[in-house]
Amino acid sequence: MIEAKVKEIIGEEPKAFPALGSYVSVKKVGNLIFTAGQIPVEDGKPIALGKVGKEVTIEKAQECAQLAAFNSLGALKTVLNDLSKVDEVVKVTVFVNSAAGFTNQPAVANGASDFYVKVFGEKGKHARSAVGVAELPLNVPVEVEAIISVKE
């Protein structure tokens, strides 16, 4: 069971967080599920704040990316109920709240990518974009969105 594997990695099963604005956290179209950007929130609070390369280390940002990817599974569960229905992770976009001159966004994004592979194995390998941005909501260091295909 995928949920058990996630619990082994993170220590708990994924749960959904409500959208922070006028949108939905997840949208299913055909056999694709699109998650809204997920942030590294635990117990209702961000686990880190600030820019990567200034207030936040690469290692902490990777942890944030993993947690945001974990939270994306919570969003998925609102549509699927059972993560074993995931066919594969298709595309992941990782936004990194970057300090001026910081150019190692791909290393930060590996936190999310590695998590999806640990959870789904070969089906967790995906196309990816790692994008440096000037700011993110709530001043979190990382935001992750994913496109997932599901078994019909």
C-alpha atoms as a PDB file:
ATOM      1  CA  MET A   1       0.000   0.000   0.000  1.00  0.00           C
ATOM      2  CA  ILE A   2       1.390   3.364  -1.058  1.00  0.00           C
ATOM      3  CA  GLU A   3       0.111   5.125   2.065  1.00  0.00           C
ATOM      4  CA  ALA A   4       2.178   2.735   4.228  1.00  0.00           C
ATOM      5  CA  LYS A   5       5.304   3.513   2.200  1.00  0.00           C
ATOM      6  CA  VAL A   6       4.652   7.246   2.623  1.00  0.00           C
ATOM      7  CA  LYS A   7       4.179   6.760   6.366  1.00  0.00           C
ATOM      8  CA  GLU A   8       7.490   4.886   6.520  1.00  0.00           C
ATOM      9  CA  ILE A   9       9.293   7.797   4.808  1.00  0.00           C
ATOM     10  CA  ILE A  10       7.567  10.750   6.524  1.00  0.00           C
ATOM     11  CA  GLY A  11       6.138   9.196   9.685  1.00  0.00           C
ATOM     12  CA  GLU A  12       2.499   9.866   8.880  1.00  0.00           C
ATOM     13  CA  GLU A  13      -0.053   9.443   6.112  1.00  0.00           C
ATOM     14  CA  PRO A  14      -0.671  12.390   3.780  1.00  0.00           C
ATOM     15  CA  LYS A  15      -3.557  14.718   4.544  1.00  0.00           C
ATOM     16  CA  ALA A  16      -5.064  17.523   2.538  1.00  0.00           C
ATOM     17  CA  PHE A  17      -4.796  21.186   3.408  1.00  0.00           C
ATOM     18  CA  PRO A  18      -7.461  23.635   2.258  1.00  0.00           C
ATOM     19  CA  ALA A  19      -6.695  26.013  -0.582  1.00  0.00           C
ATOM     20  CA  LEU A  20      -5.499  29.436   0.571  1.00  0.00           C
ATOM     21  CA  GLY A  21      -7.509  31.385  -2.002  1.00  0.00           C
ATOM     22  CA  SER A  22     -10.086  31.266  -4.777  1.00  0.00           C
ATOM     23  CA  TYR A  23      -9.022  27.960  -6.324  1.00  0.00           C
ATOM     24  CA  VAL A  24      -9.114  24.229  -5.699  1.00  0.00           C
ATOM     25  CA  SER A  25      -6.143  22.250  -4.389  1.00  0.00           C
ATOM     26  CA  VAL A  26      -6.507  19.546  -7.007  1.00  0.00           C
ATOM     27  CA  LYS A  27      -8.258  19.157 -10.360  1.00  0.00           C
ATOM     28  CA  LYS A  28      -8.887  15.902 -12.236  1.00  0.00           C
ATOM     29  CA  VAL A  29      -9.253  16.072 -16.021  1.00  0.00           C
ATOM     30  CA  GLY A  30      -9.567  12.715 -17.733  1.00  0.00           C
ATOM     31  CA  ASN A  31      -6.851  10.492 -16.307  1.00  0.00           C
ATOM     32  CA  LEU A  32      -4.670  13.437 -15.249  1.00  0.00           C
ATOM     33  CA  ILE A  33      -4.654  15.130 -11.874  1.00  0.00           C
ATOM     34  CA  PHE A  34      -3.187  18.602 -11.498  1.00  0.00           C
ATOM     35  CA  THR A  35      -2.253  19.774  -8.028  1.00  0.00           C
ATOM     36  CA  ALA A  36      -2.184  23.413  -7.083  1.00  0.00           C
ATOM     37  CA  GLY A  37       1.098  24.596  -5.622  1.00  0.00           C
ATOM     38  CA  GLN A  38       1.749  22.850  -2.316  1.00  0.00           C
ATOM     39  CA  ILE A  39       3.890  24.469   0.349  1.00  0.00           C
ATOM     40  CA  PRO A  40       5.960  22.977   3.189  1.00  0.00           C
ATOM     41  CA  VAL A  41       3.369  23.210   5.945  1.00  0.00           C
ATOM     42  CA  GLU A  42       3.278  20.928   8.962  1.00  0.00           C
ATOM     43  CA  ASP A  43       0.662  21.254  11.712  1.00  0.00           C
ATOM     44  CA  GLY A  44      -0.657  24.343   9.946  1.00  0.00           C
ATOM     45  CA  LYS A  45       2.674  26.210   9.938  1.00  0.00           C
ATOM     46  CA  PRO A  46       5.525  26.510   7.423  1.00  0.00           C
ATOM     47  CA  ILE A  47       8.607  24.565   8.532  1.00  0.00           C
ATOM     48  CA  ALA A  48      10.883  27.314   7.184  1.00  0.00           C
ATOM     49  CA  LEU A  49      10.636  30.879   5.947  1.00  0.00           C
ATOM     50  CA  GLY A  50      12.866  32.963   3.727  1.00  0.00           C
ATOM     51  CA  LYS A  51      15.010  32.782   0.640  1.00  0.00           C
ATOM     52  CA  VAL A  52      17.164  29.836  -0.302  1.00  0.00           C
ATOM     53  CA  GLY A  53      20.780  30.944  -0.418  1.00  0.00           C
ATOM     54  CA  LYS A  54      20.208  33.503   2.330  1.00  0.00           C
ATOM     55  CA  GLU A  55      18.020  32.522   5.318  1.00  0.00           C
ATOM     56  CA  VAL A  56      17.439  28.920   4.164  1.00  0.00           C
ATOM     57  CA  THR A  57      20.133  26.345   3.360  1.00  0.00           C
ATOM     58  CA  ILE A  58      19.915  24.031   0.374  1.00  0.00           C
ATOM     59  CA  GLU A  59      19.473  21.084   2.751  1.00  0.00           C
ATOM     60  CA  LYS A  60      16.557  22.722   4.555  1.00  0.00           C
ATOM     61  CA  ALA A  61      15.037  23.710   1.203  1.00  0.00           C
ATOM     62  CA  GLN A  62      15.281  20.074   0.037  1.00  0.00           C
ATOM     63  CA  GLU A  63      13.414  19.051   3.195  1.00  0.00           C
ATOM     64  CA  CYS A  64      10.801  21.708   2.368  1.00  0.00           C
ATOM     65  CA  ALA A  65      10.488  20.363  -1.186  1.00  0.00           C
ATOM     66  CA  GLN A  66       9.962  16.849   0.176  1.00  0.00           C
ATOM     67  CA  LEU A  67       7.278  18.058   2.578  1.00  0.00           C
ATOM     68  CA  ALA A  68       5.526  20.022  -0.182  1.00  0.00           C
ATOM     69  CA  ALA A  69       5.568  16.892  -2.385  1.00  0.00           C
ATOM     70  CA  PHE A  70       4.189  14.908   0.562  1.00  0.00           C
ATOM     71  CA  ASN A  71       1.414  17.490   0.907  1.00  0.00           C
ATOM     72  CA  SER A  72       0.613  17.071  -2.801  1.00  0.00           C
ATOM     73  CA  LEU A  73      -0.246  13.448  -2.033  1.00  0.00           C
ATOM     74  CA  GLY A  74      -2.753  14.674   0.532  1.00  0.00           C
ATOM     75  CA  ALA A  75      -4.373  16.746  -2.192  1.00  0.00           C
ATOM     76  CA  LEU A  76      -4.394  13.699  -4.488  1.00  0.00           C
ATOM     77  CA  LYS A  77      -6.141  11.625  -1.841  1.00  0.00           C
ATOM     78  CA  THR A  78      -9.112  14.025  -1.885  1.00  0.00           C
ATOM     79  CA  VAL A  79      -9.793  12.852  -5.438  1.00  0.00           C
ATOM     80  CA  LEU A  80      -8.491   9.271  -5.390  1.00  0.00           C
ATOM     81  CA  ASN A  81      -9.006   8.070  -1.788  1.00  0.00           C
ATOM     82  CA  ASP A  82      -6.329   5.440  -2.518  1.00  0.00           C
ATOM     83  CA  LEU A  83      -2.864   6.359  -3.796  1.00  0.00           C
ATOM     84  CA  SER A  84      -2.429   2.934  -5.407  1.00  0.00           C
ATOM     85  CA  LYS A  85      -4.578   4.357  -8.225  1.00  0.00           C
ATOM     86  CA  VAL A  86      -1.629   6.550  -9.263  1.00  0.00           C
ATOM     87  CA  ASP A  87      -0.276   5.337 -12.600  1.00  0.00           C
ATOM     88  CA  GLU A  88       2.741   7.662 -12.719  1.00  0.00           C
ATOM     89  CA  VAL A  89       4.070  11.062 -11.817  1.00  0.00           C
ATOM     90  CA  VAL A  90       4.185  12.914 -15.140  1.00  0.00           C
ATOM     91  CA  LYS A  91       5.534  16.406 -14.417  1.00  0.00           C
ATOM     92  CA  VAL A  92       6.701  18.281 -11.326  1.00  0.00           C
ATOM     93  CA  THR A  93       7.368  22.000 -11.077  1.00  0.00           C
ATOM     94  CA  VAL A  94       9.329  23.279  -8.105  1.00  0.00           C
ATOM     95  CA  PHE A  95       9.382  26.998  -7.382  1.00  0.00           C
ATOM     96  CA  VAL A  96      12.289  28.140  -5.227  1.00  0.00           C
ATOM     97  CA  ASN A  97      12.179  31.438  -3.323  1.00  0.00           C
ATOM     98  CA  SER A  98      15.715  32.380  -4.346  1.00  0.00           C
ATOM     99  CA  ALA A  99      18.160  34.927  -2.965  1.00  0.00           C
ATOM    100  CA  ALA A 100      19.867  37.127  -5.543  1.00  0.00           C
ATOM    101  CA  GLY A 101      22.538  35.093  -7.301  1.00  0.00           C
ATOM    102  CA  PHE A 102      21.255  31.702  -6.118  1.00  0.00           C
ATOM    103  CA  THR A 103      21.309  29.307  -9.083  1.00  0.00           C
ATOM    104  CA  ASN A 104      21.075  25.823  -7.567  1.00  0.00           C
ATOM    105  CA  GLN A 105      17.311  25.381  -7.883  1.00  0.00           C
ATOM    106  CA  PRO A 106      17.735  21.868  -9.360  1.00  0.00           C
ATOM    107  CA  ALA A 107      19.412  20.661  -6.146  1.00  0.00           C
ATOM    108  CA  VAL A 108      16.473  21.988  -4.119  1.00  0.00           C
ATOM    109  CA  ALA A 109      13.980  20.354  -6.496  1.00  0.00           C
ATOM    110  CA  ASN A 110      15.672  16.991  -5.930  1.00  0.00           C
ATOM    111  CA  GLY A 111      13.979  16.936  -2.506  1.00  0.00           C
ATOM    112  CA  ALA A 112      10.609  16.586  -4.235  1.00  0.00           C
ATOM    113  CA  SER A 113      11.815  14.386  -7.099  1.00  0.00           C
ATOM    114  CA  ASP A 114      13.577  11.921  -4.816  1.00  0.00           C
ATOM    115  CA  PHE A 115      10.466  11.699  -2.629  1.00  0.00           C
ATOM    116  CA  TYR A 116       8.199  10.780  -5.565  1.00  0.00           C
ATOM    117  CA  VAL A 117      10.672   8.075  -6.655  1.00  0.00           C
ATOM    118  CA  LYS A 118      10.898   6.670  -3.100  1.00  0.00           C
ATOM    119  CA  VAL A 119       7.111   6.458  -2.953  1.00  0.00           C
ATOM    120  CA  PHE A 120       6.253   5.270  -6.477  1.00  0.00           C
ATOM    121  CA  GLY A 121       9.503   3.696  -7.711  1.00  0.00           C
ATOM    122  CA  GLU A 122       9.995   3.882 -11.491  1.00  0.00           C
ATOM    123  CA  LYS A 123       6.510   5.377 -11.845  1.00  0.00           C
ATOM    124  CA  GLY A 124       7.690   8.289  -9.713  1.00  0.00           C
ATOM    125  CA  LYS A 125      10.283   9.393 -12.299  1.00  0.00           C
ATOM    126  CA  HIS A 126       9.015  12.505 -14.049  1.00  0.00           C
ATOM    127  CA  ALA A 127       9.756  15.503 -16.213  1.00  0.00           C
ATOM    128  CA  ARG A 128      10.593  18.535 -14.069  1.00  0.00           C
ATOM    129  CA  SER A 129      11.116  22.267 -14.008  1.00  0.00           C
ATOM    130  CA  ALA A 130      13.015  23.958 -11.187  1.00  0.00           C
ATOM    131  CA  VAL A 131      12.314  27.690 -11.214  1.00  0.00           C
ATOM    132  CA  GLY A 132      13.862  30.454  -9.141  1.00  0.00           C
ATOM    133  CA  VAL A 133      11.354  33.121  -8.119  1.00  0.00           C
ATOM    134  CA  ALA A 134      11.569  36.418  -6.241  1.00  0.00           C
ATOM    135  CA  GLU A 135       8.844  35.601  -3.677  1.00  0.00           C
ATOM    136  CA  LEU A 136       6.438  32.832  -2.693  1.00  0.00           C
ATOM    137  CA  PRO A 137       3.216  32.876  -0.645  1.00  0.00           C
ATOM    138  CA  LEU A 138       3.758  33.276   3.112  1.00  0.00           C
ATOM    139  CA  ASN A 139       7.511  33.688   2.396  1.00  0.00           C
ATOM    140  CA  VAL A 140       7.980  29.892   2.212  1.00  0.00           C
ATOM    141  CA  PRO A 141      11.176  28.757   0.497  1.00  0.00           C
ATOM    142  CA  VAL A 142       9.598  26.184  -1.847  1.00  0.00           C
ATOM    143  CA  GLU A 143       6.329  25.441  -3.624  1.00  0.00           C
ATOM    144  CA  VAL A 144       5.660  22.210  -5.553  1.00  0.00           C
ATOM    145  CA  GLU A 145       2.983  21.378  -8.102  1.00  0.00           C
ATOM    146  CA  ALA A 146       2.539  18.082  -9.887  1.00  0.00           C
ATOM    147  CA  ILE A 147       0.721  16.442 -12.761  1.00  0.00           C
ATOM    148  CA  ILE A 148      -0.143  12.808 -12.027  1.00  0.00           C
ATOM    149  CA  SER A 149      -1.727  10.211 -14.289  1.00  0.00           C
ATOM    150  CA  VAL A 150      -4.122   7.743 -12.723  1.00  0.00           C
ATOM    151  CA  LYS A 151      -5.442   4.300 -13.602  1.00  0.00           C
ATOM    152  CA  GLU A 152      -8.976   4.492 -14.959  1.00  0.00           C
END
